């Protein structure tokens, strides 16, 4: 018995397969999807999102003496960074700075911020300063902007908790956030 498949069916199958492969390749090349954020922290045109890191950690607040009494000083982050699969990819710490497991590092400076949830630290837009390569890679080299979004927790403790009895102590307040890393398009 002879099996005969019309040539147009073979061509149609080949075209469908080529389109599927092309679509998958385009999706892989496209990188992470940029989120919708308030205009005050939107990244300017000419940049593309290349890395999303999910942070789990604490904001560390020092209780300090001021000219008018006592207050919680600026916070310092201490967080681990994870990829979408839950794999540890780096850390976030004072500066603010981020360092990936390849050793690449970026320091940033706050450009703007917006409170989206009054029970959480603000969402931020930061300008990257001095991204450097590490001994095992350069993933953060070329970073232009970093956004902090999707925050939970991390707010300073109540003002009354910083007083003469607690001055010089620190409070570690749990938080989570997503950090989005951007670089210029070619």
Foldseek 3Di string as FASTA:
>chain_A
DDDDDDPVVVVVVVVVVVVVVVVVVVVVVQADDDDDDPPQQDDDPQKHWHAKWKWWWWWKWAWAADPVFIFTDGTWTWTFTAGPVRHTFWIATPLRKTAGPQGWIWGWAWDDWDCPDPQWDTKTKIATDDTDGGPRGRVQPQWGIKIKDPKHKHDDDDGVVRHPVRHGHMDIIIMMTMIITMGGDD
